[in-house]
Amino acid sequence: MLQITCPYCGCRDETEYSFGGESHVSRPAPDAGDAEWSDYLFNRSNPRGIHYERWQHRFGCGRWFNIARDTVSHEIYATYEMGDARPDLPGKADN
């Protein structure tokens, strides 16, 4: 089981959280073409290594935040608030 540190509440078990998908995905402009909307709706990266994800602390504060997590080892390198930039992870490859 993962131990996830909520930026607002502290460290809790994974069972208190809900995964919300890839973070830092930009929504296209309303007048974007079908191809751009299709890419936004259906395509996500699925890297081997560092992945930036959205999580919600459902059974805690209820707030959303971001996690930088390794998809191979499940090691969590950083948790940070929504709206913050991706953290600099020295020595870690980025997707």
PDB file of N, CA and C in Angstrom:
ATOM      1  N   MET A   1       0.841  -1.179   0.000  1.00  0.00           N
ATOM      2  CA  MET A   1       0.000   0.000   0.000  1.00  0.00           C
ATOM      3  C   MET A   1       0.884   1.239   0.000  1.00  0.00           C
ATOM      4  N   LEU A   2       0.511   2.215  -0.817  1.00  0.00           N
ATOM      5  CA  LEU A   2       1.248   3.472  -0.853  1.00  0.00           C
ATOM      6  C   LEU A   2       0.927   4.313   0.372  1.00  0.00           C
ATOM      7  N   GLN A   3       1.906   5.049   0.821  1.00  0.00           N
ATOM      8  CA  GLN A   3       1.726   6.082   1.830  1.00  0.00           C
ATOM      9  C   GLN A   3       1.849   7.404   1.082  1.00  0.00           C
ATOM     10  N   ILE A   4       0.762   8.157   1.000  1.00  0.00           N
ATOM     11  CA  ILE A   4       0.727   9.401   0.233  1.00  0.00           C
ATOM     12  C   ILE A   4       0.647  10.570   1.206  1.00  0.00           C
ATOM     13  N   THR A   5       1.498  11.558   0.971  1.00  0.00           N
ATOM     14  CA  THR A   5       1.496  12.751   1.814  1.00  0.00           C
ATOM     15  C   THR A   5       0.655  13.830   1.158  1.00  0.00           C
ATOM     16  N   CYS A   6      -0.512  14.081   1.709  1.00  0.00           N
ATOM     17  CA  CYS A   6      -1.378  15.163   1.245  1.00  0.00           C
ATOM     18  C   CYS A   6      -0.698  16.481   1.626  1.00  0.00           C
ATOM     19  N   PRO A   7      -0.593  17.453   0.702  1.00  0.00           N
ATOM     20  CA  PRO A   7       0.036  18.721   1.042  1.00  0.00           C
ATOM     21  C   PRO A   7      -0.722  19.501   2.116  1.00  0.00           C
ATOM     22  N   TYR A   8      -1.956  19.105   2.385  1.00  0.00           N
ATOM     23  CA  TYR A   8      -2.787  19.822   3.346  1.00  0.00           C
ATOM     24  C   TYR A   8      -2.949  19.068   4.670  1.00  0.00           C
ATOM     25  N   CYS A   9      -2.946  17.723   4.635  1.00  0.00           N
ATOM     26  CA  CYS A   9      -3.254  16.914   5.816  1.00  0.00           C
ATOM     27  C   CYS A   9      -2.100  16.066   6.337  1.00  0.00           C
ATOM     28  N   GLY A  10      -1.092  15.832   5.500  1.00  0.00           N
ATOM     29  CA  GLY A  10       0.009  14.970   5.917  1.00  0.00           C
ATOM     30  C   GLY A  10      -0.119  13.568   5.341  1.00  0.00           C
ATOM     31  N   CYS A  11       0.687  12.660   5.865  1.00  0.00           N
ATOM     32  CA  CYS A  11       0.793  11.301   5.347  1.00  0.00           C
ATOM     33  C   CYS A  11      -0.398  10.442   5.765  1.00  0.00           C
ATOM     34  N   ARG A  12      -0.990   9.748   4.763  1.00  0.00           N
ATOM     35  CA  ARG A  12      -2.120   8.853   4.992  1.00  0.00           C
ATOM     36  C   ARG A  12      -2.000   7.638   4.070  1.00  0.00           C
ATOM     37  N   ASP A  13      -2.776   6.601   4.341  1.00  0.00           N
ATOM     38  CA  ASP A  13      -2.802   5.408   3.492  1.00  0.00           C
ATOM     39  C   ASP A  13      -3.471   5.711   2.154  1.00  0.00           C
ATOM     40  N   GLU A  14      -3.059   4.981   1.146  1.00  0.00           N
ATOM     41  CA  GLU A  14      -3.570   5.119  -0.218  1.00  0.00           C
ATOM     42  C   GLU A  14      -5.098   4.980  -0.291  1.00  0.00           C
ATOM     43  N   THR A  15      -5.693   4.210   0.609  1.00  0.00           N
ATOM     44  CA  THR A  15      -7.138   3.961   0.576  1.00  0.00           C
ATOM     45  C   THR A  15      -7.964   5.228   0.819  1.00  0.00           C
ATOM     46  N   GLU A  16      -7.355   6.284   1.335  1.00  0.00           N
ATOM     47  CA  GLU A  16      -8.070   7.539   1.568  1.00  0.00           C
ATOM     48  C   GLU A  16      -8.167   8.400   0.317  1.00  0.00           C
ATOM     49  N   TYR A  17      -7.484   8.008  -0.756  1.00  0.00           N
ATOM     50  CA  TYR A  17      -7.356   8.845  -1.940  1.00  0.00           C
ATOM     51  C   TYR A  17      -8.023   8.233  -3.161  1.00  0.00           C
ATOM     52  N   SER A  18      -8.308   9.097  -4.136  1.00  0.00           N
ATOM     53  CA  SER A  18      -8.803   8.666  -5.448  1.00  0.00           C
ATOM     54  C   SER A  18      -7.879   9.221  -6.515  1.00  0.00           C
ATOM     55  N   PHE A  19      -7.522   8.355  -7.453  1.00  0.00           N
ATOM     56  CA  PHE A  19      -6.678   8.740  -8.573  1.00  0.00           C
ATOM     57  C   PHE A  19      -7.500   9.539  -9.570  1.00  0.00           C
ATOM     58  N   GLY A  20      -6.943  10.620 -10.088  1.00  0.00           N
ATOM     59  CA  GLY A  20      -7.680  11.470 -11.014  1.00  0.00           C
ATOM     60  C   GLY A  20      -7.070  11.595 -12.391  1.00  0.00           C
ATOM     61  N   GLY A  21      -6.084  10.768 -12.710  1.00  0.00           N
ATOM     62  CA  GLY A  21      -5.489  10.801 -14.038  1.00  0.00           C
ATOM     63  C   GLY A  21      -4.256  11.672 -14.119  1.00  0.00           C
ATOM     64  N   GLU A  22      -3.803  11.861 -15.330  1.00  0.00           N
ATOM     65  CA  GLU A  22      -2.592  12.634 -15.601  1.00  0.00           C
ATOM     66  C   GLU A  22      -2.811  14.111 -15.275  1.00  0.00           C
ATOM     67  N   SER A  23      -1.813  14.748 -14.695  1.00  0.00           N
ATOM     68  CA  SER A  23      -1.925  16.177 -14.393  1.00  0.00           C
ATOM     69  C   SER A  23      -1.225  17.004 -15.467  1.00  0.00           C
ATOM     70  N   HIS A  24      -1.422  18.293 -15.396  1.00  0.00           N
ATOM     71  CA  HIS A  24      -0.809  19.257 -16.311  1.00  0.00           C
ATOM     72  C   HIS A  24      -1.241  19.016 -17.758  1.00  0.00           C
ATOM     73  N   VAL A  25      -2.500  18.659 -17.960  1.00  0.00           N
ATOM     74  CA  VAL A  25      -3.060  18.476 -19.299  1.00  0.00           C
ATOM     75  C   VAL A  25      -3.866  19.730 -19.618  1.00  0.00           C
ATOM     76  N   SER A  26      -3.519  20.396 -20.718  1.00  0.00           N
ATOM     77  CA  SER A  26      -4.189  21.646 -21.082  1.00  0.00           C
ATOM     78  C   SER A  26      -5.400  21.381 -21.957  1.00  0.00           C
ATOM     79  N   ARG A  27      -6.503  21.988 -21.591  1.00  0.00           N
ATOM     80  CA  ARG A  27      -7.748  21.871 -22.363  1.00  0.00           C
ATOM     81  C   ARG A  27      -7.635  22.740 -23.612  1.00  0.00           C
ATOM     82  N   PRO A  28      -8.052  22.220 -24.763  1.00  0.00           N
ATOM     83  CA  PRO A  28      -7.989  23.028 -25.997  1.00  0.00           C
ATOM     84  C   PRO A  28      -8.996  24.181 -25.962  1.00  0.00           C
ATOM     85  N   ALA A  29      -8.763  25.132 -26.835  1.00  0.00           N
ATOM     86  CA  ALA A  29      -9.705  26.255 -26.980  1.00  0.00           C
ATOM     87  C   ALA A  29     -11.043  25.716 -27.488  1.00  0.00           C
ATOM     88  N   PRO A  30     -12.153  26.378 -27.143  1.00  0.00           N
ATOM     89  CA  PRO A  30     -13.466  25.901 -27.578  1.00  0.00           C
ATOM     90  C   PRO A  30     -13.596  25.745 -29.094  1.00  0.00           C
ATOM     91  N   ASP A  31     -12.872  26.552 -29.854  1.00  0.00           N
ATOM     92  CA  ASP A  31     -12.974  26.477 -31.313  1.00  0.00           C
ATOM     93  C   ASP A  31     -11.930  25.540 -31.932  1.00  0.00           C
ATOM     94  N   ALA A  32     -11.286  24.716 -31.133  1.00  0.00           N
ATOM     95  CA  ALA A  32     -10.286  23.768 -31.642  1.00  0.00           C
ATOM     96  C   ALA A  32     -10.957  22.735 -32.543  1.00  0.00           C
ATOM     97  N   GLY A  33     -10.181  22.165 -33.430  1.00  0.00           N
ATOM     98  CA  GLY A  33     -10.701  21.175 -34.365  1.00  0.00           C
ATOM     99  C   GLY A  33     -10.934  19.823 -33.711  1.00  0.00           C
ATOM    100  N   ASP A  34     -11.578  18.938 -34.461  1.00  0.00           N
ATOM    101  CA  ASP A  34     -11.904  17.602 -33.962  1.00  0.00           C
ATOM    102  C   ASP A  34     -10.660  16.812 -33.557  1.00  0.00           C
ATOM    103  N   ALA A  35      -9.597  16.917 -34.325  1.00  0.00           N
ATOM    104  CA  ALA A  35      -8.382  16.159 -34.034  1.00  0.00           C
ATOM    105  C   ALA A  35      -7.783  16.592 -32.690  1.00  0.00           C
ATOM    106  N   GLU A  36      -7.771  17.896 -32.446  1.00  0.00           N
ATOM    107  CA  GLU A  36      -7.215  18.404 -31.186  1.00  0.00           C
ATOM    108  C   GLU A  36      -8.080  17.977 -29.993  1.00  0.00           C
ATOM    109  N   TRP A  37      -9.393  18.057 -30.143  1.00  0.00           N
ATOM    110  CA  TRP A  37     -10.288  17.625 -29.068  1.00  0.00           C
ATOM    111  C   TRP A  37     -10.185  16.120 -28.837  1.00  0.00           C
ATOM    112  N   SER A  38     -10.096  15.361 -29.904  1.00  0.00           N
ATOM    113  CA  SER A  38      -9.956  13.916 -29.782  1.00  0.00           C
ATOM    114  C   SER A  38      -8.676  13.559 -29.039  1.00  0.00           C
ATOM    115  N   ASP A  39      -7.583  14.215 -29.369  1.00  0.00           N
ATOM    116  CA  ASP A  39      -6.315  13.976 -28.683  1.00  0.00           C
ATOM    117  C   ASP A  39      -6.438  14.306 -27.194  1.00  0.00           C
ATOM    118  N   TYR A  40      -7.073  15.424 -26.879  1.00  0.00           N
ATOM    119  CA  TYR A  40      -7.254  15.839 -25.479  1.00  0.00           C
ATOM    120  C   TYR A  40      -8.115  14.833 -24.697  1.00  0.00           C
ATOM    121  N   LEU A  41      -9.178  14.349 -25.305  1.00  0.00           N
ATOM    122  CA  LEU A  41     -10.108  13.467 -24.606  1.00  0.00           C
ATOM    123  C   LEU A  41      -9.614  12.032 -24.445  1.00  0.00           C
ATOM    124  N   PHE A  42      -8.885  11.533 -25.436  1.00  0.00           N
ATOM    125  CA  PHE A  42      -8.597  10.101 -25.457  1.00  0.00           C
ATOM    126  C   PHE A  42      -7.134   9.704 -25.296  1.00  0.00           C
ATOM    127  N   ASN A  43      -6.202  10.611 -25.482  1.00  0.00           N
ATOM    128  CA  ASN A  43      -4.787  10.240 -25.442  1.00  0.00           C
ATOM    129  C   ASN A  43      -4.088  10.806 -24.211  1.00  0.00           C
ATOM    130  N   ARG A  44      -3.405   9.942 -23.505  1.00  0.00           N
ATOM    131  CA  ARG A  44      -2.602  10.335 -22.349  1.00  0.00           C
ATOM    132  C   ARG A  44      -1.267   9.627 -22.437  1.00  0.00           C
ATOM    133  N   SER A  45      -0.259  10.220 -21.806  1.00  0.00           N
ATOM    134  CA  SER A  45       1.040   9.552 -21.786  1.00  0.00           C
ATOM    135  C   SER A  45       0.966   8.396 -20.790  1.00  0.00           C
ATOM    136  N   ASN A  46       1.785   7.414 -21.002  1.00  0.00           N
ATOM    137  CA  ASN A  46       1.839   6.265 -20.110  1.00  0.00           C
ATOM    138  C   ASN A  46       3.316   5.872 -19.973  1.00  0.00           C
ATOM    139  N   PRO A  47       4.094   6.752 -19.320  1.00  0.00           N
ATOM    140  CA  PRO A  47       5.540   6.559 -19.317  1.00  0.00           C
ATOM    141  C   PRO A  47       6.001   5.464 -18.364  1.00  0.00           C
ATOM    142  N   ARG A  48       7.162   4.952 -18.671  1.00  0.00           N
ATOM    143  CA  ARG A  48       7.864   4.075 -17.734  1.00  0.00           C
ATOM    144  C   ARG A  48       8.831   4.996 -17.011  1.00  0.00           C
ATOM    145  N   GLY A  49       8.517   5.321 -15.767  1.00  0.00           N
ATOM    146  CA  GLY A  49       9.340   6.266 -15.005  1.00  0.00           C
ATOM    147  C   GLY A  49       8.458   7.315 -14.353  1.00  0.00           C
ATOM    148  N   ILE A  50       8.948   8.539 -14.327  1.00  0.00           N
ATOM    149  CA  ILE A  50       8.238   9.629 -13.645  1.00  0.00           C
ATOM    150  C   ILE A  50       6.942   9.972 -14.380  1.00  0.00           C
ATOM    151  N   HIS A  51       5.858  10.026 -13.622  1.00  0.00           N
ATOM    152  CA  HIS A  51       4.548  10.396 -14.160  1.00  0.00           C
ATOM    153  C   HIS A  51       3.930  11.400 -13.205  1.00  0.00           C
ATOM    154  N   TYR A  52       3.315  12.433 -13.761  1.00  0.00           N
ATOM    155  CA  TYR A  52       2.678  13.470 -12.947  1.00  0.00           C
ATOM    156  C   TYR A  52       1.176  13.209 -12.944  1.00  0.00           C
ATOM    157  N   GLU A  53       0.617  13.062 -11.747  1.00  0.00           N
ATOM    158  CA  GLU A  53      -0.765  12.608 -11.597  1.00  0.00           C
ATOM    159  C   GLU A  53      -1.556  13.530 -10.677  1.00  0.00           C
ATOM    160  N   ARG A  54      -2.887  13.508 -10.852  1.00  0.00           N
ATOM    161  CA  ARG A  54      -3.804  14.222  -9.957  1.00  0.00           C
ATOM    162  C   ARG A  54      -4.408  13.207  -8.992  1.00  0.00           C
ATOM    163  N   TRP A  55      -4.510  13.581  -7.740  1.00  0.00           N
ATOM    164  CA  TRP A  55      -5.135  12.735  -6.728  1.00  0.00           C
ATOM    165  C   TRP A  55      -6.056  13.607  -5.874  1.00  0.00           C
ATOM    166  N   GLN A  56      -7.101  12.985  -5.349  1.00  0.00           N
ATOM    167  CA  GLN A  56      -8.013  13.674  -4.435  1.00  0.00           C
ATOM    168  C   GLN A  56      -7.972  12.965  -3.092  1.00  0.00           C
ATOM    169  N   HIS A  57      -7.880  13.746  -2.021  1.00  0.00           N
ATOM    170  CA  HIS A  57      -7.915  13.179  -0.671  1.00  0.00           C
ATOM    171  C   HIS A  57      -9.389  13.046  -0.270  1.00  0.00           C
ATOM    172  N   ARG A  58     -10.031  12.015  -0.804  1.00  0.00           N
ATOM    173  CA  ARG A  58     -11.483  11.818  -0.639  1.00  0.00           C
ATOM    174  C   ARG A  58     -11.918  11.686   0.798  1.00  0.00           C
ATOM    175  N   PHE A  59     -11.214  10.896   1.580  1.00  0.00           N
ATOM    176  CA  PHE A  59     -11.639  10.656   2.959  1.00  0.00           C
ATOM    177  C   PHE A  59     -10.840  11.491   3.935  1.00  0.00           C
ATOM    178  N   GLY A  60     -10.415  12.652   3.486  1.00  0.00           N
ATOM    179  CA  GLY A  60      -9.693  13.605   4.323  1.00  0.00           C
ATOM    180  C   GLY A  60     -10.254  14.985   4.038  1.00  0.00           C
ATOM    181  N   CYS A  61      -9.395  15.869   3.559  1.00  0.00           N
ATOM    182  CA  CYS A  61      -9.794  17.254   3.308  1.00  0.00           C
ATOM    183  C   CYS A  61     -10.632  17.416   2.041  1.00  0.00           C
ATOM    184  N   GLY A  62     -10.623  16.406   1.145  1.00  0.00           N
ATOM    185  CA  GLY A  62     -11.401  16.466  -0.082  1.00  0.00           C
ATOM    186  C   GLY A  62     -10.746  17.268  -1.197  1.00  0.00           C
ATOM    187  N   ARG A  63      -9.549  17.758  -0.962  1.00  0.00           N
ATOM    188  CA  ARG A  63      -8.885  18.612  -1.947  1.00  0.00           C
ATOM    189  C   ARG A  63      -8.079  17.798  -2.957  1.00  0.00           C
ATOM    190  N   TRP A  64      -7.885  18.406  -4.132  1.00  0.00           N
ATOM    191  CA  TRP A  64      -7.082  17.819  -5.200  1.00  0.00           C
ATOM    192  C   TRP A  64      -5.657  18.330  -5.092  1.00  0.00           C
ATOM    193  N   PHE A  65      -4.701  17.487  -5.487  1.00  0.00           N
ATOM    194  CA  PHE A  65      -3.297  17.873  -5.524  1.00  0.00           C
ATOM    195  C   PHE A  65      -2.579  17.002  -6.545  1.00  0.00           C
ATOM    196  N   ASN A  66      -1.328  17.320  -6.812  1.00  0.00           N
ATOM    197  CA  ASN A  66      -0.527  16.593  -7.789  1.00  0.00           C
ATOM    198  C   ASN A  66       0.544  15.749  -7.112  1.00  0.00           C
ATOM    199  N   ILE A  67       0.922  14.674  -7.791  1.00  0.00           N
ATOM    200  CA  ILE A  67       1.977  13.779  -7.316  1.00  0.00           C
ATOM    201  C   ILE A  67       2.935  13.510  -8.472  1.00  0.00           C
ATOM    202  N   ALA A  68       4.236  13.510  -8.186  1.00  0.00           N
ATOM    203  CA  ALA A  68       5.250  13.030  -9.129  1.00  0.00           C
ATOM    204  C   ALA A  68       5.617  11.638  -8.638  1.00  0.00           C
ATOM    205  N   ARG A  69       5.235  10.599  -9.414  1.00  0.00           N
ATOM    206  CA  ARG A  69       5.401   9.210  -8.979  1.00  0.00           C
ATOM    207  C   ARG A  69       6.087   8.393 -10.067  1.00  0.00           C
ATOM    208  N   ASP A  70       6.939   7.469  -9.633  1.00  0.00           N
ATOM    209  CA  ASP A  70       7.614   6.555 -10.549  1.00  0.00           C
ATOM    210  C   ASP A  70       6.669   5.387 -10.825  1.00  0.00           C
ATOM    211  N   THR A  71       6.347   5.153 -12.096  1.00  0.00           N
ATOM    212  CA  THR A  71       5.391   4.101 -12.440  1.00  0.00           C
ATOM    213  C   THR A  71       5.974   2.703 -12.319  1.00  0.00           C
ATOM    214  N   VAL A  72       7.293   2.593 -12.198  1.00  0.00           N
ATOM    215  CA  VAL A  72       7.929   1.290 -12.058  1.00  0.00           C
ATOM    216  C   VAL A  72       8.034   0.900 -10.586  1.00  0.00           C
ATOM    217  N   SER A  73       8.599   1.782  -9.779  1.00  0.00           N
ATOM    218  CA  SER A  73       8.831   1.475  -8.366  1.00  0.00           C
ATOM    219  C   SER A  73       7.701   1.963  -7.453  1.00  0.00           C
ATOM    220  N   HIS A  74       6.830   2.794  -7.969  1.00  0.00           N
ATOM    221  CA  HIS A  74       5.743   3.449  -7.217  1.00  0.00           C
ATOM    222  C   HIS A  74       6.256   4.436  -6.175  1.00  0.00           C
ATOM    223  N   GLU A  75       7.549   4.761  -6.239  1.00  0.00           N
ATOM    224  CA  GLU A  75       8.102   5.754  -5.320  1.00  0.00           C
ATOM    225  C   GLU A  75       7.500   7.116  -5.636  1.00  0.00           C
ATOM    226  N   ILE A  76       7.102   7.835  -4.591  1.00  0.00           N
ATOM    227  CA  ILE A  76       6.549   9.177  -4.753  1.00  0.00           C
ATOM    228  C   ILE A  76       7.663  10.176  -4.465  1.00  0.00           C
ATOM    229  N   TYR A  77       7.986  10.993  -5.478  1.00  0.00           N
ATOM    230  CA  TYR A  77       9.078  11.954  -5.355  1.00  0.00           C
ATOM    231  C   TYR A  77       8.618  13.299  -4.823  1.00  0.00           C
ATOM    232  N   ALA A  78       7.366  13.665  -5.095  1.00  0.00           N
ATOM    233  CA  ALA A  78       6.865  14.964  -4.634  1.00  0.00           C
ATOM    234  C   ALA A  78       5.345  14.968  -4.652  1.00  0.00           C
ATOM    235  N   THR A  79       4.768  15.701  -3.721  1.00  0.00           N
ATOM    236  CA  THR A  79       3.348  16.041  -3.760  1.00  0.00           C
ATOM    237  C   THR A  79       3.283  17.558  -3.700  1.00  0.00           C
ATOM    238  N   TYR A  80       2.361  18.145  -4.465  1.00  0.00           N
ATOM    239  CA  TYR A  80       2.300  19.603  -4.523  1.00  0.00           C
ATOM    240  C   TYR A  80       0.891  20.045  -4.905  1.00  0.00           C
ATOM    241  N   GLU A  81       0.579  21.277  -4.573  1.00  0.00           N
ATOM    242  CA  GLU A  81      -0.763  21.809  -4.760  1.00  0.00           C
ATOM    243  C   GLU A  81      -1.115  21.990  -6.229  1.00  0.00           C
ATOM    244  N   MET A  82      -2.415  21.905  -6.522  1.00  0.00           N
ATOM    245  CA  MET A  82      -2.908  22.172  -7.876  1.00  0.00           C
ATOM    246  C   MET A  82      -2.515  23.601  -8.253  1.00  0.00           C
ATOM    247  N   GLY A  83      -2.135  23.787  -9.486  1.00  0.00           N
ATOM    248  CA  GLY A  83      -1.738  25.105  -9.950  1.00  0.00           C
ATOM    249  C   GLY A  83      -0.245  25.359  -9.836  1.00  0.00           C
ATOM    250  N   ASP A  84       0.456  24.589  -9.006  1.00  0.00           N
ATOM    251  CA  ASP A  84       1.909  24.729  -8.899  1.00  0.00           C
ATOM    252  C   ASP A  84       2.565  24.070 -10.097  1.00  0.00           C
ATOM    253  N   ALA A  85       3.740  24.561 -10.459  1.00  0.00           N
ATOM    254  CA  ALA A  85       4.502  23.991 -11.573  1.00  0.00           C
ATOM    255  C   ALA A  85       5.064  22.633 -11.181  1.00  0.00           C
ATOM    256  N   ARG A  86       5.392  21.825 -12.176  1.00  0.00           N
ATOM    257  CA  ARG A  86       6.041  20.544 -11.909  1.00  0.00           C
ATOM    258  C   ARG A  86       7.323  20.792 -11.115  1.00  0.00           C
ATOM    259  N   PRO A  87       7.584  19.982 -10.125  1.00  0.00           N
ATOM    260  CA  PRO A  87       8.810  20.186  -9.337  1.00  0.00           C
ATOM    261  C   PRO A  87      10.052  19.774 -10.110  1.00  0.00           C
ATOM    262  N   ASP A  88      11.166  20.394  -9.769  1.00  0.00           N
ATOM    263  CA  ASP A  88      12.455  20.006 -10.331  1.00  0.00           C
ATOM    264  C   ASP A  88      12.928  18.789  -9.560  1.00  0.00           C
ATOM    265  N   LEU A  89      13.122  17.687 -10.256  1.00  0.00           N
ATOM    266  CA  LEU A  89      13.559  16.437  -9.626  1.00  0.00           C
ATOM    267  C   LEU A  89      14.977  16.137 -10.089  1.00  0.00           C
ATOM    268  N   PRO A  90      15.988  16.663  -9.391  1.00  0.00           N
ATOM    269  CA  PRO A  90      17.375  16.467  -9.812  1.00  0.00           C
ATOM    270  C   PRO A  90      17.721  14.969  -9.935  1.00  0.00           C
ATOM    271  N   GLY A  91      18.359  14.636 -11.047  1.00  0.00           N
ATOM    272  CA  GLY A  91      18.789  13.263 -11.269  1.00  0.00           C
ATOM    273  C   GLY A  91      17.697  12.324 -11.729  1.00  0.00           C
ATOM    274  N   LYS A  92      16.502  12.827 -11.956  1.00  0.00           N
ATOM    275  CA  LYS A  92      15.383  11.978 -12.393  1.00  0.00           C
ATOM    276  C   LYS A  92      14.978  12.358 -13.804  1.00  0.00           C
ATOM    277  N   ALA A  93      14.783  11.351 -14.643  1.00  0.00           N
ATOM    278  CA  ALA A  93      14.315  11.614 -16.010  1.00  0.00           C
ATOM    279  C   ALA A  93      12.873  12.066 -15.968  1.00  0.00           C
ATOM    280  N   ASP A  94      12.520  12.961 -16.831  1.00  0.00           N
ATOM    281  CA  ASP A  94      11.166  13.525 -16.882  1.00  0.00           C
ATOM    282  C   ASP A  94      10.458  13.030 -18.125  1.00  0.00           C
ATOM    283  N   ASN A  95       9.121  12.903 -18.054  1.00  0.00           N
ATOM    284  CA  ASN A  95       8.376  12.503 -19.257  1.00  0.00           C
ATOM    285  C   ASN A  95       8.012  13.703 -20.083  1.00  0.00           C
TER     286      ASN A  95
END
